[in-house]
N, C-alpha and C. Protein backbone atom coordinates (compact mmCIF):
# COMPACT_ATOMS: atom_id res chain seq x y z
N UNK A 1 -39.73 -22.80 40.12
CA UNK A 1 -38.82 -21.70 40.26
C UNK A 1 -36.80 -22.00 39.92
N UNK A 2 -36.65 -23.31 40.41
CA UNK A 2 -35.96 -23.69 40.24
C UNK A 2 -35.31 -23.47 38.43
N UNK A 3 -36.41 -24.23 37.80
CA UNK A 3 -35.83 -25.07 36.82
C UNK A 3 -36.21 -23.46 35.87
N UNK A 4 -37.13 -22.16 36.73
CA UNK A 4 -37.13 -20.99 35.39
C UNK A 4 -35.64 -20.52 35.69
N UNK A 5 -34.67 -20.49 36.83
CA UNK A 5 -33.70 -19.50 36.44
C UNK A 5 -32.38 -20.36 36.71
N UNK A 6 -33.45 -21.79 35.98
CA UNK A 6 -31.52 -22.60 35.69
C UNK A 6 -31.95 -22.36 34.05
N UNK A 7 -32.90 -21.74 33.49
CA UNK A 7 -33.67 -22.35 32.15
C UNK A 7 -32.95 -20.15 31.50
N UNK A 8 -33.07 -19.12 32.69
CA UNK A 8 -32.34 -18.16 32.14
C UNK A 8 -30.94 -17.93 32.96
N UNK A 9 -30.15 -18.90 33.52
CA UNK A 9 -28.30 -19.22 33.71
C UNK A 9 -28.29 -19.79 32.13
N UNK A 10 -28.81 -20.58 31.03
CA UNK A 10 -27.99 -21.30 30.52
C UNK A 10 -28.51 -20.43 29.02
N UNK A 11 -29.72 -19.57 28.96
CA UNK A 11 -29.74 -19.10 27.93
C UNK A 11 -28.58 -17.67 28.07
N UNK A 12 -28.79 -17.51 28.96
CA UNK A 12 -27.29 -16.07 29.18
C UNK A 12 -26.01 -16.77 28.36
N UNK A 13 -25.41 -17.74 29.33
CA UNK A 13 -24.17 -18.68 28.56
C UNK A 13 -24.57 -18.86 27.02
N UNK A 14 -25.53 -19.43 26.96
CA UNK A 14 -25.79 -19.85 24.96
C UNK A 14 -25.62 -18.14 24.82
N UNK A 15 -25.87 -17.25 24.82
CA UNK A 15 -25.75 -15.66 24.21
C UNK A 15 -23.94 -15.32 24.28
N UNK A 16 -23.41 -16.43 25.65
CA UNK A 16 -22.12 -15.42 25.94
C UNK A 16 -21.30 -15.89 24.77
N UNK A 17 -21.83 -17.82 24.34
CA UNK A 17 -20.30 -18.02 23.51
C UNK A 17 -21.05 -17.87 22.04
N UNK A 18 -22.15 -16.57 21.80
CA UNK A 18 -22.31 -16.85 20.38
C UNK A 18 -21.73 -15.77 20.16
N UNK A 19 -21.38 -14.57 21.43
CA UNK A 19 -20.70 -13.64 21.10
C UNK A 19 -19.44 -13.56 21.03
N UNK A 20 -19.06 -14.44 21.87
CA UNK A 20 -17.53 -14.91 21.38
C UNK A 20 -17.73 -15.53 20.29
N UNK A 21 -17.90 -16.35 20.03
CA UNK A 21 -17.47 -16.91 18.40
C UNK A 21 -18.11 -15.21 17.41
N UNK A 22 -18.55 -14.89 17.49
CA UNK A 22 -19.20 -13.22 16.26
C UNK A 22 -17.75 -12.04 16.86
N UNK A 23 -17.22 -12.33 18.07
CA UNK A 23 -16.51 -11.90 18.15
C UNK A 23 -14.77 -12.09 17.48
N UNK A 24 -14.85 -13.42 17.86
CA UNK A 24 -13.30 -14.02 17.86
C UNK A 24 -13.34 -13.79 15.34
N UNK A 25 -14.56 -14.47 15.18
CA UNK A 25 -14.93 -13.89 13.73
C UNK A 25 -14.15 -12.91 13.30
N UNK A 26 -15.47 -12.06 13.89
CA UNK A 26 -15.03 -10.55 13.26
C UNK A 26 -12.78 -9.92 13.51
N UNK A 27 -12.69 -10.55 14.17
CA UNK A 27 -10.66 -10.23 14.30
C UNK A 27 -10.74 -11.04 13.71
N UNK A 28 -10.76 -11.85 13.62
CA UNK A 28 -9.98 -12.98 11.99
C UNK A 28 -11.01 -12.29 10.79
N UNK A 29 -11.96 -12.24 10.58
CA UNK A 29 -12.22 -11.62 9.15
C UNK A 29 -11.41 -10.29 9.12
N UNK A 30 -11.24 -9.44 9.87
CA UNK A 30 -10.31 -7.86 9.59
C UNK A 30 -9.80 -7.81 9.57
N UNK A 31 -8.47 -9.42 10.27
CA UNK A 31 -7.33 -8.94 10.05
C UNK A 31 -6.39 -9.22 8.73
N UNK A 32 -5.48 -8.71 8.53
CA UNK A 32 -4.61 -8.73 7.21
C UNK A 32 -3.64 -10.55 6.80
N UNK A 33 -3.93 -11.01 5.56
CA UNK A 33 -3.37 -11.82 5.54
C UNK A 33 -1.64 -11.89 5.06
N UNK A 34 -1.54 -10.45 4.19
CA UNK A 34 -0.03 -10.42 3.67
C UNK A 34 0.39 -10.48 4.49
N UNK A 35 1.83 -10.70 4.56
CA UNK A 35 3.12 -11.44 5.14
C UNK A 35 3.72 -9.80 5.68
N UNK A 36 4.35 -9.74 6.80
CA UNK A 36 4.94 -8.93 6.95
C UNK A 36 6.44 -8.81 6.52
N UNK A 37 7.09 -7.69 6.18
CA UNK A 37 8.49 -8.21 5.72
C UNK A 37 9.88 -7.34 6.43
N UNK A 38 10.01 -8.30 7.19
CA UNK A 38 10.97 -7.66 7.86
C UNK A 38 12.35 -7.17 7.45
N UNK A 39 12.37 -5.54 7.56
CA UNK A 39 13.62 -4.76 6.57
C UNK A 39 14.84 -4.30 7.68
N UNK A 40 16.10 -4.11 7.12
CA UNK A 40 17.32 -3.06 8.65
C UNK A 40 16.88 -2.01 8.21
N UNK A 41 17.27 -0.91 9.10
CA UNK A 41 17.28 0.21 9.76
C UNK A 41 18.12 0.40 7.73
N UNK A 42 17.60 0.85 7.47
CA UNK A 42 18.77 3.14 6.83
C UNK A 42 17.88 1.35 5.12
N UNK A 43 17.41 0.43 5.11
CA UNK A 43 17.95 -0.25 4.28
C UNK A 43 15.51 -0.44 3.39
N UNK A 44 15.58 -0.14 2.38
CA UNK A 44 14.30 -0.14 1.02
C UNK A 44 13.85 -0.63 1.22
N UNK A 45 12.40 -1.62 0.75
CA UNK A 45 12.22 -2.76 0.02
C UNK A 45 11.62 -1.66 -1.41
N UNK A 46 12.77 -1.79 -2.56
CA UNK A 46 13.01 -0.95 -4.00
C UNK A 46 12.38 -2.12 -4.75
N UNK A 47 11.48 -2.99 -4.88
CA UNK A 47 10.92 -3.58 -5.96
C UNK A 47 10.93 -5.26 -5.78
N UNK A 48 10.03 -5.82 -6.25
CA UNK A 48 9.81 -7.45 -5.58
C UNK A 48 9.00 -8.25 -7.21
N UNK A 49 8.73 -9.65 -7.57
CA UNK A 49 8.26 -9.90 -8.06
C UNK A 49 8.56 -11.47 -8.04
N UNK A 50 7.95 -11.93 -8.85
CA UNK A 50 7.53 -13.12 -9.30
C UNK A 50 8.73 -13.74 -10.08
N UNK A 51 8.63 -15.15 -10.05
CA UNK A 51 10.02 -16.22 -10.70
C UNK A 51 8.98 -17.60 -11.27
N UNK A 52 9.57 -17.10 -12.89
CA UNK A 52 8.20 -18.25 -13.77
C UNK A 52 10.33 -19.35 -13.27
N UNK A 53 8.80 -20.94 -13.66
CA UNK A 53 9.78 -22.43 -13.84
C UNK A 53 10.52 -22.28 -15.08
N UNK A 54 10.62 -21.23 -16.22
CA UNK A 54 10.99 -21.45 -17.03
C UNK A 54 12.27 -20.49 -17.15
N UNK A 55 13.02 -20.11 -17.85
CA UNK A 55 13.97 -18.89 -17.91
C UNK A 55 13.38 -18.37 -18.35
N UNK A 56 13.44 -17.11 -17.25
CA UNK A 56 11.99 -16.15 -17.48
C UNK A 56 13.68 -14.74 -16.93
N UNK A 57 13.37 -13.61 -18.22
CA UNK A 57 13.98 -12.41 -18.30
C UNK A 57 12.69 -10.76 -18.10
N UNK A 58 13.21 -10.74 -16.87
CA UNK A 58 12.31 -9.50 -16.29
C UNK A 58 13.25 -8.27 -16.39
N UNK A 59 12.53 -7.54 -16.92
CA UNK A 59 12.96 -5.94 -16.27
C UNK A 59 11.60 -5.30 -15.21
N UNK A 60 12.77 -5.40 -13.62
CA UNK A 60 12.10 -4.62 -12.66
C UNK A 60 11.49 -2.91 -12.65
N UNK A 61 11.55 -2.47 -12.81
CA UNK A 61 10.80 -0.42 -12.53
C UNK A 61 11.22 0.01 -11.21
N UNK A 62 12.26 0.50 -11.46
CA UNK A 62 11.88 1.20 -9.19
C UNK A 62 11.48 2.61 -9.25
N UNK A 63 10.19 2.28 -9.11
CA UNK A 63 9.39 3.40 -8.74
C UNK A 63 10.17 4.65 -7.12
N UNK A 64 11.63 4.64 -7.46
CA UNK A 64 12.42 5.86 -6.11
C UNK A 64 13.09 7.16 -6.71
N UNK A 65 13.29 7.93 -6.69
CA UNK A 65 14.44 9.14 -6.81
C UNK A 65 15.30 8.62 -5.56
N UNK A 66 15.63 8.46 -5.26
CA UNK A 66 16.60 7.89 -3.67
C UNK A 66 17.53 7.46 -3.93
N UNK A 67 18.68 8.08 -3.50
CA UNK A 67 20.09 7.64 -4.54
C UNK A 67 20.50 6.33 -2.61
N UNK A 68 20.87 5.63 -3.69
CA UNK A 68 21.41 3.92 -3.49
C UNK A 68 22.77 4.41 -3.43
N UNK A 69 23.34 3.01 -2.07
CA UNK A 69 24.33 3.03 -1.73
C UNK A 69 25.18 1.34 -1.95
N UNK A 70 23.82 0.50 -1.86
CA UNK A 70 24.20 -0.86 -1.85
C UNK A 70 22.38 -1.37 -2.51
N UNK A 71 21.98 -2.78 -3.39
CA UNK A 71 21.16 -3.46 -3.38
C UNK A 71 21.81 -4.70 -2.76
N UNK A 72 20.65 -5.53 -2.17
CA UNK A 72 20.64 -6.65 -2.33
C UNK A 72 19.19 -7.13 -2.97
N UNK A 73 19.02 -8.68 -2.55
CA UNK A 73 18.43 -9.30 -3.00
C UNK A 73 18.15 -10.15 -2.48
N UNK A 74 16.71 -10.74 -2.20
CA UNK A 74 16.63 -12.25 -1.51
C UNK A 74 15.68 -12.89 -2.18
N UNK A 75 15.57 -14.40 -2.00
CA UNK A 75 15.15 -15.46 -2.47
C UNK A 75 13.69 -15.94 -1.48
N UNK A 76 12.77 -15.07 -1.90
CA UNK A 76 11.15 -16.34 -0.59
C UNK A 76 10.50 -17.26 -2.00
N UNK A 77 11.14 -18.26 -0.96
CA UNK A 77 9.27 -19.19 -1.41
C UNK A 77 10.35 -20.73 -2.08
N UNK A 78 10.70 -19.96 -2.08
CA UNK A 78 11.74 -20.79 -4.02
C UNK A 78 13.30 -20.66 -4.52
N UNK A 79 13.84 -21.78 -4.55
CA UNK A 79 15.84 -21.54 -4.33
C UNK A 79 14.46 -20.52 -5.34
N UNK A 80 16.27 -20.06 -5.95
CA UNK A 80 16.33 -18.72 -7.46
C UNK A 80 17.25 -19.10 -8.05
N UNK A 81 17.43 -19.13 -9.44
CA UNK A 81 18.84 -20.09 -10.08
C UNK A 81 18.92 -18.41 -11.24
N UNK A 82 20.06 -17.44 -10.57
CA UNK A 82 19.94 -16.07 -11.78
C UNK A 82 21.42 -16.76 -12.42
N UNK A 83 20.74 -15.95 -13.75
CA UNK A 83 22.26 -16.43 -14.53
C UNK A 83 22.62 -15.30 -15.45
N UNK A 84 21.70 -14.08 -14.78
CA UNK A 84 22.62 -12.78 -15.77
C UNK A 84 21.70 -11.11 -14.99
N UNK A 85 21.67 -10.77 -14.43
CA UNK A 85 21.30 -9.51 -13.64
C UNK A 85 22.66 -8.32 -13.76
N UNK A 86 21.61 -7.74 -14.46
CA UNK A 86 21.75 -6.21 -14.84
C UNK A 86 20.66 -5.25 -13.86
N UNK A 87 22.36 -3.99 -13.44
CA UNK A 87 21.26 -3.05 -12.45
C UNK A 87 21.11 -1.55 -13.85
N UNK A 88 20.44 -1.01 -13.74
CA UNK A 88 20.54 -0.21 -14.21
C UNK A 88 19.77 1.53 -14.13
N UNK A 89 20.59 2.17 -14.26
CA UNK A 89 20.75 3.64 -13.61
C UNK A 89 19.94 4.14 -14.34
N UNK A 90 19.74 5.89 -13.46
CA UNK A 90 19.13 6.76 -13.92
C UNK A 90 19.43 7.67 -14.69
N UNK A 91 20.83 7.39 -15.42
CA UNK A 91 21.30 8.17 -16.66
C UNK A 91 21.86 6.92 -17.71
N UNK A 92 21.07 6.22 -17.40
CA UNK A 92 21.58 4.62 -18.91
C UNK A 92 22.15 3.97 -18.20
N UNK A 93 23.72 4.52 -17.56
CA UNK A 93 24.84 3.36 -17.30
C UNK A 93 24.21 2.14 -16.72
N UNK A 94 25.32 0.98 -17.16
CA UNK A 94 24.67 -0.58 -16.18
C UNK A 94 26.08 -0.63 -15.71
N UNK A 95 25.26 -1.90 -14.65
CA UNK A 95 26.66 -2.81 -13.50
C UNK A 95 26.46 -3.98 -13.42
N UNK A 96 26.92 -4.60 -14.12
CA UNK A 96 26.33 -6.48 -13.81
C UNK A 96 27.29 -6.70 -13.43
N UNK A 97 26.45 -6.72 -12.01
CA UNK A 97 28.52 -7.22 -10.16
C UNK A 97 28.05 -8.66 -10.56
N UNK A 98 28.51 -9.77 -10.03
CA UNK A 98 28.98 -10.88 -10.25
C UNK A 98 28.67 -11.61 -9.12
N UNK A 99 27.11 -12.71 -9.15
CA UNK A 99 26.49 -12.83 -8.44
C UNK A 99 26.66 -14.55 -8.02
N UNK A 100 26.28 -15.35 -7.35
CA UNK A 100 25.76 -16.50 -6.94
C UNK A 100 24.50 -17.05 -7.55
N UNK A 101 24.76 -18.23 -8.34
CA UNK A 101 24.09 -17.84 -9.71
C UNK A 101 22.74 -18.55 -8.47
N UNK A 102 22.38 -19.28 -7.47
CA UNK A 102 21.02 -20.05 -7.00
C UNK A 102 21.10 -19.75 -5.63
N UNK A 103 19.87 -18.91 -5.20
CA UNK A 103 19.56 -18.35 -3.74
C UNK A 103 18.73 -18.71 -3.61
N UNK A 104 18.93 -19.84 -2.35
CA UNK A 104 18.08 -20.51 -2.05
C UNK A 104 17.16 -19.35 -1.14
N UNK A 105 16.24 -20.54 -0.72
CA UNK A 105 14.65 -19.93 -0.36
C UNK A 105 14.77 -19.26 1.10
N UNK A 106 14.72 -17.56 1.31
CA UNK A 106 14.50 -17.43 2.76
C UNK A 106 16.69 -16.68 2.47
N UNK A 107 17.40 -16.64 1.77
CA UNK A 107 18.49 -16.29 1.41
C UNK A 107 18.24 -15.01 0.84
N UNK A 108 19.54 -14.15 1.62
CA UNK A 108 19.55 -12.80 0.99
C UNK A 108 21.01 -12.80 0.95
N UNK A 109 21.46 -12.66 -0.79
CA UNK A 109 22.64 -11.83 -1.27
C UNK A 109 23.19 -10.63 -0.54
N UNK A 110 24.44 -11.35 -0.76
CA UNK A 110 25.92 -10.31 0.06
C UNK A 110 25.32 -8.81 -1.04
N UNK A 111 25.77 -7.45 -0.42
CA UNK A 111 25.22 -5.89 -0.57
C UNK A 111 25.87 -6.21 -1.37
N UNK A 112 25.01 -5.29 -2.99
CA UNK A 112 26.41 -5.60 -4.12
C UNK A 112 26.76 -4.19 -4.04
N UNK A 113 27.78 -3.11 -4.50
CA UNK A 113 28.05 -2.54 -3.88
C UNK A 113 27.66 -1.14 -5.04
N UNK A 114 27.33 0.08 -5.33
CA UNK A 114 26.65 0.51 -6.15
C UNK A 114 27.31 2.21 -6.26
N UNK A 115 27.58 3.10 -5.35
CA UNK A 115 28.40 4.54 -5.13
C UNK A 115 28.81 4.57 -3.29
N UNK A 116 29.71 5.05 -3.10
CA UNK A 116 30.08 5.61 -2.07
C UNK A 116 29.01 7.38 -2.17
N UNK A 117 28.56 7.80 -3.69
CA UNK A 117 27.74 8.90 -2.86
C UNK A 117 26.47 8.13 -3.97
N UNK A 118 26.57 7.44 -3.59
CA UNK A 118 24.50 7.04 -4.12
C UNK A 118 24.37 7.00 -5.64
N UNK A 119 23.47 6.35 -6.11
CA UNK A 119 22.48 6.55 -7.17
C UNK A 119 21.48 6.23 -7.71
N UNK A 120 20.44 6.38 -8.67
CA UNK A 120 19.39 6.33 -8.60
C UNK A 120 19.25 5.38 -9.68
N UNK A 121 18.74 4.38 -9.07
CA UNK A 121 18.25 3.09 -9.65
C UNK A 121 17.02 3.18 -10.20
N UNK A 122 16.71 2.81 -12.09
CA UNK A 122 15.93 2.98 -12.81
C UNK A 122 14.67 1.89 -13.02
N UNK A 123 16.14 0.85 -12.79
CA UNK A 123 15.61 -0.62 -13.34
C UNK A 123 16.79 -0.98 -13.40
N UNK A 124 16.27 -3.07 -12.48
CA UNK A 124 16.64 -4.11 -13.16
C UNK A 124 16.74 -4.99 -14.10
N UNK A 125 17.14 -5.90 -13.82
CA UNK A 125 17.09 -6.89 -15.30
C UNK A 125 17.58 -8.07 -14.51
N UNK A 126 16.91 -8.81 -14.87
CA UNK A 126 17.02 -10.11 -14.76
C UNK A 126 17.42 -11.84 -15.42
N UNK A 127 17.88 -12.53 -15.60
CA UNK A 127 17.19 -13.84 -16.66
C UNK A 127 17.31 -14.48 -15.26
N UNK A 128 16.51 -15.51 -14.81
CA UNK A 128 16.23 -16.52 -13.47
C UNK A 128 15.11 -17.16 -13.46
N UNK A 129 14.69 -18.14 -12.69
CA UNK A 129 13.63 -18.94 -13.08
C UNK A 129 13.89 -19.74 -11.44
N UNK A 130 12.71 -20.10 -11.14
CA UNK A 130 12.53 -20.76 -10.17
C UNK A 130 13.09 -22.23 -10.14
N UNK A 131 12.84 -22.56 -9.05
CA UNK A 131 13.29 -24.41 -9.09
C UNK A 131 11.89 -25.16 -8.01
N UNK A 132 12.11 -26.23 -8.43
CA UNK A 132 11.14 -26.87 -7.74
C UNK A 132 9.92 -27.04 -8.73
N UNK A 133 8.69 -27.60 -7.99
CA UNK A 133 7.27 -27.84 -8.48
C UNK A 133 6.17 -27.11 -8.64
N UNK A 134 6.33 -27.08 -9.53
CA UNK A 134 4.70 -25.94 -10.28
C UNK A 134 3.74 -25.92 -8.88
N UNK A 135 3.26 -26.88 -8.88
CA UNK A 135 1.88 -26.85 -8.38
C UNK A 135 1.83 -26.80 -6.99
N UNK A 136 3.78 -26.50 -6.25
CA UNK A 136 3.31 -25.56 -4.95
C UNK A 136 4.62 -24.15 -5.46
N UNK A 137 3.63 -23.59 -5.97
CA UNK A 137 4.36 -22.18 -6.54
C UNK A 137 5.12 -21.52 -7.20
N UNK A 138 5.18 -20.56 -7.36
CA UNK A 138 6.11 -19.35 -8.06
C UNK A 138 6.93 -18.67 -6.83
N UNK A 139 8.78 -18.98 -7.22
CA UNK A 139 8.78 -18.25 -6.33
C UNK A 139 8.83 -16.29 -6.04
N UNK A 140 9.61 -15.79 -5.13
CA UNK A 140 9.41 -14.29 -4.93
C UNK A 140 11.06 -13.70 -4.54
N UNK A 141 11.25 -12.69 -5.81
CA UNK A 141 12.48 -12.06 -5.49
C UNK A 141 12.06 -10.56 -4.73
N UNK A 142 13.14 -10.04 -3.61
CA UNK A 142 13.17 -9.36 -3.23
C UNK A 142 14.30 -8.24 -2.65
N UNK A 143 14.16 -7.51 -3.73
CA UNK A 143 15.04 -5.79 -4.10
C UNK A 143 15.18 -5.25 -2.78
N UNK A 144 16.31 -5.37 -2.24
CA UNK A 144 16.38 -3.63 -1.16
C UNK A 144 17.88 -2.87 -1.54
N UNK A 145 17.33 -1.80 -1.37
CA UNK A 145 18.05 -0.79 -1.80
C UNK A 145 18.28 -0.13 0.00
N UNK A 146 20.05 0.51 0.03
CA UNK A 146 20.39 1.08 1.10
C UNK A 146 20.31 2.42 0.87
N UNK A 147 19.95 3.33 1.58
CA UNK A 147 19.53 4.42 1.32
C UNK A 147 20.96 5.26 1.95
N UNK A 148 21.59 6.00 0.91
CA UNK A 148 22.88 7.06 1.25
C UNK A 148 22.63 8.31 2.44
N UNK A 149 21.88 7.99 2.76
CA UNK A 149 21.30 8.99 4.03
C UNK A 149 20.02 8.14 4.81
N UNK A 150 20.62 7.57 5.61
CA UNK A 150 19.57 7.64 6.38
C UNK A 150 20.14 8.34 7.98
N UNK A 151 18.69 8.92 7.95
CA UNK A 151 18.15 9.70 9.27
C UNK A 151 17.85 8.79 9.85
N UNK A 152 18.54 8.71 11.87
CA UNK A 152 17.22 8.58 12.89
C UNK A 152 16.99 8.74 13.26
N UNK A 153 15.63 9.79 13.37
CA UNK A 153 14.37 10.76 14.01
C UNK A 153 14.81 10.23 15.94
């Protein structure tokens, strides 16, 4: 009689363990693997790109009609050496601000002031490269724009 109860209890415990394992697998399989980026209030992530190890010239298109008063650049994963940086406005005018030549991984540049009235950015041109080992992956550059109007709801 005791062995029947012990056998039923063991089956019940085993079923509970399997249910727990299935639950853990389902939760981890359904979770997002994408990294979340914290953005300051009033700032938008307007563009991002991966940086090669050789001298790279990229034109990053900005797909927003929002006027921005300031721009910031952030390096991720690797240090990024910046040789040339241009902001192209919607009307074709260009701004070539002086910028620190090396951005360390995780570091953000100072805000680059565009205009107090705001400007619509069409594209951003870079001449830059990643540093470090090619085996550990490329660096990534994130570009943030400060909205002309940042409303609080």
